Full PDB file with SEQRES, HELIX, SHEET, SSBOND, CRYST1, ORIGX, SCALE, CONECT and MASTER records, all heavy atoms in Angstrom:
SEQRES   1 A   38  GLY LEU LEU ALA TYR TYR VAL THR LEU ASN LEU GLN LEU          
SEQRES   2 A   38  TYR ASN PRO VAL TRP CYS LEU LEU THR VAL MET ILE VAL          
SEQRES   3 A   38  MET LEU ALA LYS TYR VAL GLY ALA ILE ALA GLU LYS              
HELIX    1 AA1 LEU A    2  ASN A   10  1                                   9    
HELIX    2 AA2 VAL A   17  VAL A   26  1                                  10    
HELIX    3 AA3 VAL A   32  GLU A   37  1                                   6    
CRYST1    1.000    1.000    1.000  90.00  90.00  90.00 P 1           1          
ORIGX1      1.000000  0.000000  0.000000        0.00000                         
ORIGX2      0.000000  1.000000  0.000000        0.00000                         
ORIGX3      0.000000  0.000000  1.000000        0.00000                         
SCALE1      1.000000  0.000000  0.000000        0.00000                         
SCALE2      0.000000  1.000000  0.000000        0.00000                         
SCALE3      0.000000  0.000000  1.000000        0.00000                         
ATOM      1  N   GLY A   1       5.779  -1.177  -0.057  1.00  0.00           N  
ATOM      2  CA  GLY A   1       5.182  -2.418  -0.570  1.00  0.00           C  
ATOM      3  C   GLY A   1       5.506  -3.621   0.326  1.00  0.00           C  
ATOM      4  O   GLY A   1       4.670  -4.379   0.656  1.00  0.00           O  
ATOM      5  N   LEU A   2       6.761  -3.696   0.761  1.00  0.00           N  
ATOM      6  CA  LEU A   2       7.166  -4.820   1.649  1.00  0.00           C  
ATOM      7  C   LEU A   2       6.469  -4.735   2.957  1.00  0.00           C  
ATOM      8  O   LEU A   2       5.967  -5.760   3.497  1.00  0.00           O  
ATOM      9  CB  LEU A   2       8.685  -4.822   1.864  1.00  0.00           C  
ATOM     10  CG  LEU A   2       9.562  -5.232   0.699  1.00  0.00           C  
ATOM     11  CD1 LEU A   2      10.977  -4.986   0.948  1.00  0.00           C  
ATOM     12  CD2 LEU A   2       9.295  -6.723   0.389  1.00  0.00           C  
ATOM     13  N   LEU A   3       6.319  -3.541   3.512  1.00  0.00           N  
ATOM     14  CA  LEU A   3       5.620  -3.365   4.826  1.00  0.00           C  
ATOM     15  C   LEU A   3       4.157  -3.756   4.633  1.00  0.00           C  
ATOM     16  O   LEU A   3       3.644  -4.482   5.501  1.00  0.00           O  
ATOM     17  CB  LEU A   3       5.767  -1.928   5.289  1.00  0.00           C  
ATOM     18  CG  LEU A   3       4.981  -1.566   6.550  1.00  0.00           C  
ATOM     19  CD1 LEU A   3       5.483  -2.368   7.741  1.00  0.00           C  
ATOM     20  CD2 LEU A   3       5.110  -0.038   6.809  1.00  0.00           C  
ATOM     21  N   ALA A   4       3.522  -3.246   3.647  1.00  0.00           N  
ATOM     22  CA  ALA A   4       2.076  -3.582   3.451  1.00  0.00           C  
ATOM     23  C   ALA A   4       1.894  -5.029   3.212  1.00  0.00           C  
ATOM     24  O   ALA A   4       0.963  -5.637   3.782  1.00  0.00           O  
ATOM     25  CB  ALA A   4       1.570  -2.768   2.257  1.00  0.00           C  
ATOM     26  N   TYR A   5       2.702  -5.623   2.367  1.00  0.00           N  
ATOM     27  CA  TYR A   5       2.531  -7.066   2.092  1.00  0.00           C  
ATOM     28  C   TYR A   5       2.818  -7.902   3.332  1.00  0.00           C  
ATOM     29  O   TYR A   5       2.089  -8.932   3.572  1.00  0.00           O  
ATOM     30  CB  TYR A   5       3.521  -7.429   0.934  1.00  0.00           C  
ATOM     31  CG  TYR A   5       3.133  -8.694   0.218  1.00  0.00           C  
ATOM     32  CD1 TYR A   5       1.979  -8.806  -0.523  1.00  0.00           C  
ATOM     33  CD2 TYR A   5       3.943  -9.835   0.314  1.00  0.00           C  
ATOM     34  CE1 TYR A   5       1.601  -9.971  -1.163  1.00  0.00           C  
ATOM     35  CE2 TYR A   5       3.603 -11.024  -0.371  1.00  0.00           C  
ATOM     36  CZ  TYR A   5       2.399 -11.023  -1.128  1.00  0.00           C  
ATOM     37  OH  TYR A   5       2.100 -12.220  -1.744  1.00  0.00           O  
ATOM     38  N   TYR A   6       3.820  -7.561   4.073  1.00  0.00           N  
ATOM     39  CA  TYR A   6       4.122  -8.256   5.360  1.00  0.00           C  
ATOM     40  C   TYR A   6       2.913  -8.214   6.316  1.00  0.00           C  
ATOM     41  O   TYR A   6       2.560  -9.233   6.871  1.00  0.00           O  
ATOM     42  CB  TYR A   6       5.373  -7.607   5.997  1.00  0.00           C  
ATOM     43  CG  TYR A   6       5.688  -8.269   7.326  1.00  0.00           C  
ATOM     44  CD1 TYR A   6       6.352  -9.460   7.411  1.00  0.00           C  
ATOM     45  CD2 TYR A   6       5.375  -7.576   8.512  1.00  0.00           C  
ATOM     46  CE1 TYR A   6       6.702  -9.994   8.621  1.00  0.00           C  
ATOM     47  CE2 TYR A   6       5.668  -8.142   9.731  1.00  0.00           C  
ATOM     48  CZ  TYR A   6       6.326  -9.302   9.773  1.00  0.00           C  
ATOM     49  OH  TYR A   6       6.627  -9.942  11.004  1.00  0.00           O  
ATOM     50  N   VAL A   7       2.307  -7.083   6.372  1.00  0.00           N  
ATOM     51  CA  VAL A   7       1.184  -6.955   7.339  1.00  0.00           C  
ATOM     52  C   VAL A   7       0.019  -7.768   6.872  1.00  0.00           C  
ATOM     53  O   VAL A   7      -0.663  -8.506   7.578  1.00  0.00           O  
ATOM     54  CB  VAL A   7       0.737  -5.454   7.521  1.00  0.00           C  
ATOM     55  CG1 VAL A   7      -0.509  -5.364   8.319  1.00  0.00           C  
ATOM     56  CG2 VAL A   7       1.886  -4.681   8.267  1.00  0.00           C  
ATOM     57  N   THR A   8      -0.312  -7.707   5.556  1.00  0.00           N  
ATOM     58  CA  THR A   8      -1.432  -8.443   5.030  1.00  0.00           C  
ATOM     59  C   THR A   8      -1.214  -9.940   5.065  1.00  0.00           C  
ATOM     60  O   THR A   8      -2.177 -10.683   5.365  1.00  0.00           O  
ATOM     61  CB  THR A   8      -1.767  -8.082   3.571  1.00  0.00           C  
ATOM     62  OG1 THR A   8      -0.610  -8.244   2.795  1.00  0.00           O  
ATOM     63  CG2 THR A   8      -2.298  -6.650   3.518  1.00  0.00           C  
ATOM     64  N   LEU A   9       0.045 -10.361   4.929  1.00  0.00           N  
ATOM     65  CA  LEU A   9       0.312 -11.846   5.047  1.00  0.00           C  
ATOM     66  C   LEU A   9       0.139 -12.305   6.489  1.00  0.00           C  
ATOM     67  O   LEU A   9      -0.311 -13.374   6.775  1.00  0.00           O  
ATOM     68  CB  LEU A   9       1.741 -12.131   4.460  1.00  0.00           C  
ATOM     69  CG  LEU A   9       1.859 -12.063   2.925  1.00  0.00           C  
ATOM     70  CD1 LEU A   9       3.325 -12.419   2.579  1.00  0.00           C  
ATOM     71  CD2 LEU A   9       0.908 -13.050   2.279  1.00  0.00           C  
ATOM     72  N   ASN A  10       0.660 -11.458   7.423  1.00  0.00           N  
ATOM     73  CA  ASN A  10       0.520 -11.874   8.814  1.00  0.00           C  
ATOM     74  C   ASN A  10      -0.952 -11.860   9.274  1.00  0.00           C  
ATOM     75  O   ASN A  10      -1.276 -12.631  10.151  1.00  0.00           O  
ATOM     76  CB  ASN A  10       1.357 -10.919   9.707  1.00  0.00           C  
ATOM     77  CG  ASN A  10       2.798 -11.321   9.769  1.00  0.00           C  
ATOM     78  OD1 ASN A  10       3.118 -12.472   9.506  1.00  0.00           O  
ATOM     79  ND2 ASN A  10       3.656 -10.424  10.146  1.00  0.00           N  
ATOM     80  N   LEU A  11      -1.744 -10.967   8.739  1.00  0.00           N  
ATOM     81  CA  LEU A  11      -3.152 -10.963   9.087  1.00  0.00           C  
ATOM     82  C   LEU A  11      -3.982 -11.933   8.296  1.00  0.00           C  
ATOM     83  O   LEU A  11      -5.138 -12.081   8.499  1.00  0.00           O  
ATOM     84  CB  LEU A  11      -3.712  -9.497   8.881  1.00  0.00           C  
ATOM     85  CG  LEU A  11      -3.195  -8.447   9.794  1.00  0.00           C  
ATOM     86  CD1 LEU A  11      -3.762  -7.105   9.446  1.00  0.00           C  
ATOM     87  CD2 LEU A  11      -3.499  -8.775  11.285  1.00  0.00           C  
ATOM     88  N   GLN A  12      -3.294 -12.585   7.322  1.00  0.00           N  
ATOM     89  CA  GLN A  12      -3.890 -13.568   6.444  1.00  0.00           C  
ATOM     90  C   GLN A  12      -5.139 -13.054   5.792  1.00  0.00           C  
ATOM     91  O   GLN A  12      -6.231 -13.681   5.780  1.00  0.00           O  
ATOM     92  CB  GLN A  12      -4.206 -14.887   7.242  1.00  0.00           C  
ATOM     93  CG  GLN A  12      -2.979 -15.523   7.784  1.00  0.00           C  
ATOM     94  CD  GLN A  12      -3.277 -16.762   8.610  1.00  0.00           C  
ATOM     95  OE1 GLN A  12      -4.414 -17.078   8.906  1.00  0.00           O  
ATOM     96  NE2 GLN A  12      -2.220 -17.443   8.987  1.00  0.00           N  
ATOM     97  N   LEU A  13      -4.987 -11.922   5.138  1.00  0.00           N  
ATOM     98  CA  LEU A  13      -6.143 -11.245   4.431  1.00  0.00           C  
ATOM     99  C   LEU A  13      -6.332 -11.903   3.066  1.00  0.00           C  
ATOM    100  O   LEU A  13      -5.482 -12.645   2.561  1.00  0.00           O  
ATOM    101  CB  LEU A  13      -5.876  -9.775   4.296  1.00  0.00           C  
ATOM    102  CG  LEU A  13      -5.829  -9.034   5.635  1.00  0.00           C  
ATOM    103  CD1 LEU A  13      -5.595  -7.532   5.419  1.00  0.00           C  
ATOM    104  CD2 LEU A  13      -7.058  -9.249   6.501  1.00  0.00           C  
ATOM    105  N   TYR A  14      -7.442 -11.622   2.500  1.00  0.00           N  
ATOM    106  CA  TYR A  14      -8.006 -12.360   1.320  1.00  0.00           C  
ATOM    107  C   TYR A  14      -7.136 -12.208   0.077  1.00  0.00           C  
ATOM    108  O   TYR A  14      -6.852 -13.153  -0.607  1.00  0.00           O  
ATOM    109  CB  TYR A  14      -9.427 -11.826   1.087  1.00  0.00           C  
ATOM    110  CG  TYR A  14     -10.137 -12.350  -0.144  1.00  0.00           C  
ATOM    111  CD1 TYR A  14     -10.466 -13.682  -0.274  1.00  0.00           C  
ATOM    112  CD2 TYR A  14     -10.426 -11.478  -1.204  1.00  0.00           C  
ATOM    113  CE1 TYR A  14     -11.071 -14.158  -1.377  1.00  0.00           C  
ATOM    114  CE2 TYR A  14     -11.045 -11.977  -2.338  1.00  0.00           C  
ATOM    115  CZ  TYR A  14     -11.369 -13.330  -2.451  1.00  0.00           C  
ATOM    116  OH  TYR A  14     -11.991 -13.708  -3.544  1.00  0.00           O  
ATOM    117  N   ASN A  15      -6.801 -10.945  -0.277  1.00  0.00           N  
ATOM    118  CA  ASN A  15      -6.097 -10.743  -1.550  1.00  0.00           C  
ATOM    119  C   ASN A  15      -5.005  -9.655  -1.344  1.00  0.00           C  
ATOM    120  O   ASN A  15      -5.209  -8.463  -1.604  1.00  0.00           O  
ATOM    121  CB  ASN A  15      -7.087 -10.243  -2.614  1.00  0.00           C  
ATOM    122  CG  ASN A  15      -6.551 -10.310  -3.947  1.00  0.00           C  
ATOM    123  OD1 ASN A  15      -5.355 -10.567  -4.149  1.00  0.00           O  
ATOM    124  ND2 ASN A  15      -7.388  -9.988  -4.956  1.00  0.00           N  
ATOM    125  N   PRO A  16      -3.774 -10.104  -0.887  1.00  0.00           N  
ATOM    126  CA  PRO A  16      -2.699  -9.119  -0.583  1.00  0.00           C  
ATOM    127  C   PRO A  16      -2.280  -8.268  -1.818  1.00  0.00           C  
ATOM    128  O   PRO A  16      -1.659  -7.236  -1.562  1.00  0.00           O  
ATOM    129  CB  PRO A  16      -1.598 -10.019  -0.119  1.00  0.00           C  
ATOM    130  CG  PRO A  16      -2.179 -11.280   0.240  1.00  0.00           C  
ATOM    131  CD  PRO A  16      -3.472 -11.449  -0.577  1.00  0.00           C  
ATOM    132  N   VAL A  17      -2.617  -8.669  -3.019  1.00  0.00           N  
ATOM    133  CA  VAL A  17      -2.269  -7.900  -4.168  1.00  0.00           C  
ATOM    134  C   VAL A  17      -2.861  -6.458  -4.084  1.00  0.00           C  
ATOM    135  O   VAL A  17      -2.328  -5.497  -4.543  1.00  0.00           O  
ATOM    136  CB  VAL A  17      -2.694  -8.590  -5.445  1.00  0.00           C  
ATOM    137  CG1 VAL A  17      -2.843  -7.700  -6.654  1.00  0.00           C  
ATOM    138  CG2 VAL A  17      -1.719  -9.742  -5.767  1.00  0.00           C  
ATOM    139  N   TRP A  18      -4.074  -6.346  -3.519  1.00  0.00           N  
ATOM    140  CA  TRP A  18      -4.701  -5.071  -3.384  1.00  0.00           C  
ATOM    141  C   TRP A  18      -3.911  -4.077  -2.609  1.00  0.00           C  
ATOM    142  O   TRP A  18      -3.790  -2.882  -3.011  1.00  0.00           O  
ATOM    143  CB  TRP A  18      -6.113  -5.184  -2.728  1.00  0.00           C  
ATOM    144  CG  TRP A  18      -7.132  -5.865  -3.622  1.00  0.00           C  
ATOM    145  CD1 TRP A  18      -7.072  -5.958  -5.018  1.00  0.00           C  
ATOM    146  CD2 TRP A  18      -8.294  -6.548  -3.212  1.00  0.00           C  
ATOM    147  NE1 TRP A  18      -8.213  -6.659  -5.457  1.00  0.00           N  
ATOM    148  CE2 TRP A  18      -8.957  -7.051  -4.364  1.00  0.00           C  
ATOM    149  CE3 TRP A  18      -8.796  -6.870  -1.946  1.00  0.00           C  
ATOM    150  CZ2 TRP A  18     -10.172  -7.716  -4.307  1.00  0.00           C  
ATOM    151  CZ3 TRP A  18     -10.007  -7.533  -1.903  1.00  0.00           C  
ATOM    152  CH2 TRP A  18     -10.652  -7.974  -3.065  1.00  0.00           C  
ATOM    153  N   CYS A  19      -3.185  -4.516  -1.531  1.00  0.00           N  
ATOM    154  CA  CYS A  19      -2.402  -3.583  -0.785  1.00  0.00           C  
ATOM    155  C   CYS A  19      -1.139  -3.188  -1.631  1.00  0.00           C  
ATOM    156  O   CYS A  19      -0.733  -2.027  -1.587  1.00  0.00           O  
ATOM    157  CB  CYS A  19      -2.006  -4.125   0.531  1.00  0.00           C  
ATOM    158  SG  CYS A  19      -0.683  -5.390   0.514  1.00  0.00           S  
ATOM    159  N   LEU A  20      -0.604  -4.057  -2.399  1.00  0.00           N  
ATOM    160  CA  LEU A  20       0.580  -3.705  -3.214  1.00  0.00           C  
ATOM    161  C   LEU A  20       0.157  -2.750  -4.306  1.00  0.00           C  
ATOM    162  O   LEU A  20       0.935  -1.733  -4.560  1.00  0.00           O  
ATOM    163  CB  LEU A  20       1.178  -4.966  -3.819  1.00  0.00           C  
ATOM    164  CG  LEU A  20       1.912  -5.878  -2.787  1.00  0.00           C  
ATOM    165  CD1 LEU A  20       2.346  -7.196  -3.571  1.00  0.00           C  
ATOM    166  CD2 LEU A  20       3.091  -5.179  -2.203  1.00  0.00           C  
ATOM    167  N   LEU A  21      -0.917  -2.988  -4.950  1.00  0.00           N  
ATOM    168  CA  LEU A  21      -1.348  -2.028  -5.985  1.00  0.00           C  
ATOM    169  C   LEU A  21      -1.658  -0.652  -5.390  1.00  0.00           C  
ATOM    170  O   LEU A  21      -1.332   0.356  -5.986  1.00  0.00           O  
ATOM    171  CB  LEU A  21      -2.622  -2.563  -6.679  1.00  0.00           C  
ATOM    172  CG  LEU A  21      -2.392  -3.813  -7.530  1.00  0.00           C  
ATOM    173  CD1 LEU A  21      -3.722  -4.348  -8.069  1.00  0.00           C  
ATOM    174  CD2 LEU A  21      -1.480  -3.517  -8.718  1.00  0.00           C  
ATOM    175  N   THR A  22      -2.234  -0.642  -4.177  1.00  0.00           N  
ATOM    176  CA  THR A  22      -2.484   0.629  -3.536  1.00  0.00           C  
ATOM    177  C   THR A  22      -1.174   1.323  -3.303  1.00  0.00           C  
ATOM    178  O   THR A  22      -1.107   2.559  -3.494  1.00  0.00           O  
ATOM    179  CB  THR A  22      -3.249   0.351  -2.188  1.00  0.00           C  
ATOM    180  OG1 THR A  22      -4.497  -0.236  -2.506  1.00  0.00           O  
ATOM    181  CG2 THR A  22      -3.462   1.638  -1.366  1.00  0.00           C  
ATOM    182  N   VAL A  23      -0.189   0.699  -2.765  1.00  0.00           N  
ATOM    183  CA  VAL A  23       1.092   1.332  -2.464  1.00  0.00           C  
ATOM    184  C   VAL A  23       1.680   1.872  -3.742  1.00  0.00           C  
ATOM    185  O   VAL A  23       2.124   3.085  -3.868  1.00  0.00           O  
ATOM    186  CB  VAL A  23       2.123   0.316  -1.907  1.00  0.00           C  
ATOM    187  CG1 VAL A  23       3.540   0.874  -1.918  1.00  0.00           C  
ATOM    188  CG2 VAL A  23       1.721  -0.007  -0.437  1.00  0.00           C  
ATOM    189  N   MET A  24       1.639   1.100  -4.833  1.00  0.00           N  
ATOM    190  CA  MET A  24       2.156   1.601  -6.153  1.00  0.00           C  
ATOM    191  C   MET A  24       1.487   2.844  -6.636  1.00  0.00           C  
ATOM    192  O   MET A  24       2.118   3.772  -7.095  1.00  0.00           O  
ATOM    193  CB  MET A  24       2.097   0.459  -7.163  1.00  0.00           C  
ATOM    194  CG  MET A  24       2.934  -0.748  -6.908  1.00  0.00           C  
ATOM    195  SD  MET A  24       4.677  -0.411  -6.954  1.00  0.00           S  
ATOM    196  CE  MET A  24       4.913  -0.124  -8.636  1.00  0.00           C  
ATOM    197  N   ILE A  25       0.161   2.860  -6.485  1.00  0.00           N  
ATOM    198  CA  ILE A  25      -0.618   3.971  -7.019  1.00  0.00           C  
ATOM    199  C   ILE A  25      -0.472   5.211  -6.129  1.00  0.00           C  
ATOM    200  O   ILE A  25      -0.262   6.328  -6.592  1.00  0.00           O  
ATOM    201  CB  ILE A  25      -2.054   3.622  -7.193  1.00  0.00           C  
ATOM    202  CG1 ILE A  25      -2.188   2.556  -8.379  1.00  0.00           C  
ATOM    203  CG2 ILE A  25      -2.996   4.808  -7.449  1.00  0.00           C  
ATOM    204  CD1 ILE A  25      -3.491   1.862  -8.441  1.00  0.00           C  
ATOM    205  N   VAL A  26      -0.547   5.011  -4.807  1.00  0.00           N  
ATOM    206  CA  VAL A  26      -0.474   6.151  -3.872  1.00  0.00           C  
ATOM    207  C   VAL A  26       0.928   6.761  -3.884  1.00  0.00           C  
ATOM    208  O   VAL A  26       1.068   7.956  -3.817  1.00  0.00           O  
ATOM    209  CB  VAL A  26      -0.850   5.702  -2.440  1.00  0.00           C  
ATOM    210  CG1 VAL A  26      -0.600   6.751  -1.409  1.00  0.00           C  
ATOM    211  CG2 VAL A  26      -2.346   5.322  -2.428  1.00  0.00           C  
ATOM    212  N   MET A  27       1.935   5.972  -4.047  1.00  0.00           N  
ATOM    213  CA  MET A  27       3.310   6.485  -4.018  1.00  0.00           C  
ATOM    214  C   MET A  27       3.566   7.358  -5.251  1.00  0.00           C  
ATOM    215  O   MET A  27       4.620   8.049  -5.289  1.00  0.00           O  
ATOM    216  CB  MET A  27       4.314   5.361  -3.911  1.00  0.00           C  
ATOM    217  CG  MET A  27       4.339   4.668  -2.545  1.00  0.00           C  
ATOM    218  SD  MET A  27       4.853   5.756  -1.173  1.00  0.00           S  
ATOM    219  CE  MET A  27       6.607   5.860  -1.506  1.00  0.00           C  
ATOM    220  N   LEU A  28       2.773   7.327  -6.288  1.00  0.00           N  
ATOM    221  CA  LEU A  28       3.010   8.103  -7.439  1.00  0.00           C  
ATOM    222  C   LEU A  28       2.881   9.647  -7.148  1.00  0.00           C  
ATOM    223  O   LEU A  28       3.408  10.444  -7.898  1.00  0.00           O  
ATOM    224  CB  LEU A  28       2.090   7.734  -8.597  1.00  0.00           C  
ATOM    225  CG  LEU A  28       2.373   6.359  -9.196  1.00  0.00           C  
ATOM    226  CD1 LEU A  28       1.265   6.061 -10.244  1.00  0.00           C  
ATOM    227  CD2 LEU A  28       3.703   6.318  -9.866  1.00  0.00           C  
ATOM    228  N   ALA A  29       2.218   9.962  -6.066  1.00  0.00           N  
ATOM    229  CA  ALA A  29       2.121  11.347  -5.678  1.00  0.00           C  
ATOM    230  C   ALA A  29       3.476  11.801  -5.248  1.00  0.00           C  
ATOM    231  O   ALA A  29       4.243  11.039  -4.627  1.00  0.00           O  
ATOM    232  CB  ALA A  29       1.097  11.532  -4.545  1.00  0.00           C  
ATOM    233  N   LYS A  30       3.864  13.021  -5.572  1.00  0.00           N  
ATOM    234  CA  LYS A  30       5.200  13.486  -5.351  1.00  0.00           C  
ATOM    235  C   LYS A  30       5.529  13.813  -3.908  1.00  0.00           C  
ATOM    236  O   LYS A  30       6.610  13.606  -3.408  1.00  0.00           O  
ATOM    237  CB  LYS A  30       5.476  14.668  -6.292  1.00  0.00           C  
ATOM    238  CG  LYS A  30       6.887  15.131  -6.379  1.00  0.00           C  
ATOM    239  CD  LYS A  30       7.024  16.229  -7.432  1.00  0.00           C  
ATOM    240  CE  LYS A  30       8.452  16.730  -7.552  1.00  0.00           C  
ATOM    241  NZ  LYS A  30       8.588  17.734  -8.548  1.00  0.00           N  
ATOM    242  N   TYR A  31       4.601  14.493  -3.242  1.00  0.00           N  
ATOM    243  CA  TYR A  31       4.910  15.088  -1.912  1.00  0.00           C  
ATOM    244  C   TYR A  31       4.181  14.249  -0.823  1.00  0.00           C  
ATOM    245  O   TYR A  31       3.207  13.605  -1.064  1.00  0.00           O  
ATOM    246  CB  TYR A  31       4.336  16.534  -1.909  1.00  0.00           C  
ATOM    247  CG  TYR A  31       4.876  17.398  -2.984  1.00  0.00           C  
ATOM    248  CD1 TYR A  31       4.012  17.833  -4.025  1.00  0.00           C  
ATOM    249  CD2 TYR A  31       6.238  17.743  -3.070  1.00  0.00           C  
ATOM    250  CE1 TYR A  31       4.510  18.633  -5.087  1.00  0.00           C  
ATOM    251  CE2 TYR A  31       6.659  18.557  -4.102  1.00  0.00           C  
ATOM    252  CZ  TYR A  31       5.828  18.985  -5.097  1.00  0.00           C  
ATOM    253  OH  TYR A  31       6.314  19.724  -6.069  1.00  0.00           O  
ATOM    254  N   VAL A  32       4.744  14.430   0.368  1.00  0.00           N  
ATOM    255  CA  VAL A  32       4.181  13.727   1.551  1.00  0.00           C  
ATOM    256  C   VAL A  32       2.710  14.095   1.774  1.00  0.00           C  
ATOM    257  O   VAL A  32       1.834  13.225   1.959  1.00  0.00           O  
ATOM    258  CB  VAL A  32       4.964  14.043   2.787  1.00  0.00           C  
ATOM    259  CG1 VAL A  32       4.336  13.450   4.027  1.00  0.00           C  
ATOM    260  CG2 VAL A  32       6.407  13.481   2.660  1.00  0.00           C  
ATOM    261  N   GLY A  33       2.393  15.373   1.667  1.00  0.00           N  
ATOM    262  CA  GLY A  33       1.024  15.815   1.777  1.00  0.00           C  
ATOM    263  C   GLY A  33       0.073  15.321   0.723  1.00  0.00           C  
ATOM    264  O   GLY A  33      -1.091  14.906   1.018  1.00  0.00           O  
ATOM    265  N   ALA A  34       0.604  15.179  -0.499  1.00  0.00           N  
ATOM    266  CA  ALA A  34      -0.222  14.715  -1.571  1.00  0.00           C  
ATOM    267  C   ALA A  34      -0.473  13.205  -1.394  1.00  0.00           C  
ATOM    268  O   ALA A  34      -1.575  12.671  -1.688  1.00  0.00           O  
ATOM    269  CB  ALA A  34       0.424  14.926  -2.914  1.00  0.00           C  
ATOM    270  N   ILE A  35       0.482  12.481  -0.857  1.00  0.00           N  
ATOM    271  CA  ILE A  35       0.356  11.010  -0.595  1.00  0.00           C  
ATOM    272  C   ILE A  35      -0.734  10.848   0.491  1.00  0.00           C  
ATOM    273  O   ILE A  35      -1.580   9.959   0.388  1.00  0.00           O  
ATOM    274  CB  ILE A  35       1.667  10.366  -0.225  1.00  0.00           C  
ATOM    275  CG1 ILE A  35       2.543  10.336  -1.447  1.00  0.00           C  
ATOM    276  CG2 ILE A  35       1.491   8.978   0.391  1.00  0.00           C  
ATOM    277  CD1 ILE A  35       4.017   9.891  -1.166  1.00  0.00           C  
ATOM    278  N   ALA A  36      -0.634  11.705   1.548  1.00  0.00           N  
ATOM    279  CA  ALA A  36      -1.588  11.562   2.621  1.00  0.00           C  
ATOM    280  C   ALA A  36      -3.034  11.885   2.184  1.00  0.00           C  
ATOM    281  O   ALA A  36      -3.988  11.197   2.518  1.00  0.00           O  
ATOM    282  CB  ALA A  36      -1.204  12.525   3.768  1.00  0.00           C  
ATOM    283  N   GLU A  37      -3.150  12.912   1.348  1.00  0.00           N  
ATOM    284  CA  GLU A  37      -4.480  13.280   0.844  1.00  0.00           C  
ATOM    285  C   GLU A  37      -5.037  12.179  -0.077  1.00  0.00           C  
ATOM    286  O   GLU A  37      -6.176  11.803   0.061  1.00  0.00           O  
ATOM    287  CB  GLU A  37      -4.440  14.617   0.025  1.00  0.00           C  
ATOM    288  CG  GLU A  37      -5.783  15.000  -0.554  1.00  0.00           C  
ATOM    289  CD  GLU A  37      -5.701  16.233  -1.452  1.00  0.00           C  
ATOM    290  OE1 GLU A  37      -4.615  16.498  -2.045  1.00  0.00           O  
ATOM    291  OE2 GLU A  37      -6.765  16.848  -1.533  1.00  0.00           O  
ATOM    292  N   LYS A  38      -4.165  11.673  -0.978  1.00  0.00           N  
ATOM    293  CA  LYS A  38      -4.645  10.611  -1.837  1.00  0.00           C  
ATOM    294  C   LYS A  38      -5.005   9.326  -1.028  1.00  0.00           C  
ATOM    295  O   LYS A  38      -5.978   8.646  -1.405  1.00  0.00           O  
ATOM    296  CB  LYS A  38      -3.485  10.265  -2.832  1.00  0.00           C  
ATOM    297  CG  LYS A  38      -3.891   9.507  -3.990  1.00  0.00           C  
ATOM    298  CD  LYS A  38      -2.802   9.460  -5.038  1.00  0.00           C  
ATOM    299  CE  LYS A  38      -3.273   8.895  -6.339  1.00  0.00           C  
ATOM    300  NZ  LYS A  38      -2.260   8.815  -7.367  1.00  0.00           N  
TER     301      LYS A  38                                                      
MASTER        0    0    0    3    0    0    0    6  300    1    0    3          
END                                                                             
């Protein structure tokens, strides 16, 4: 989340909350492969 938020803030993107929500949802997958697929 910190990495994603840092990148979006540096790129001055429109709504950084979207990247944080994405991290939270994608990280719910248990395995590395499942996270990559999701």
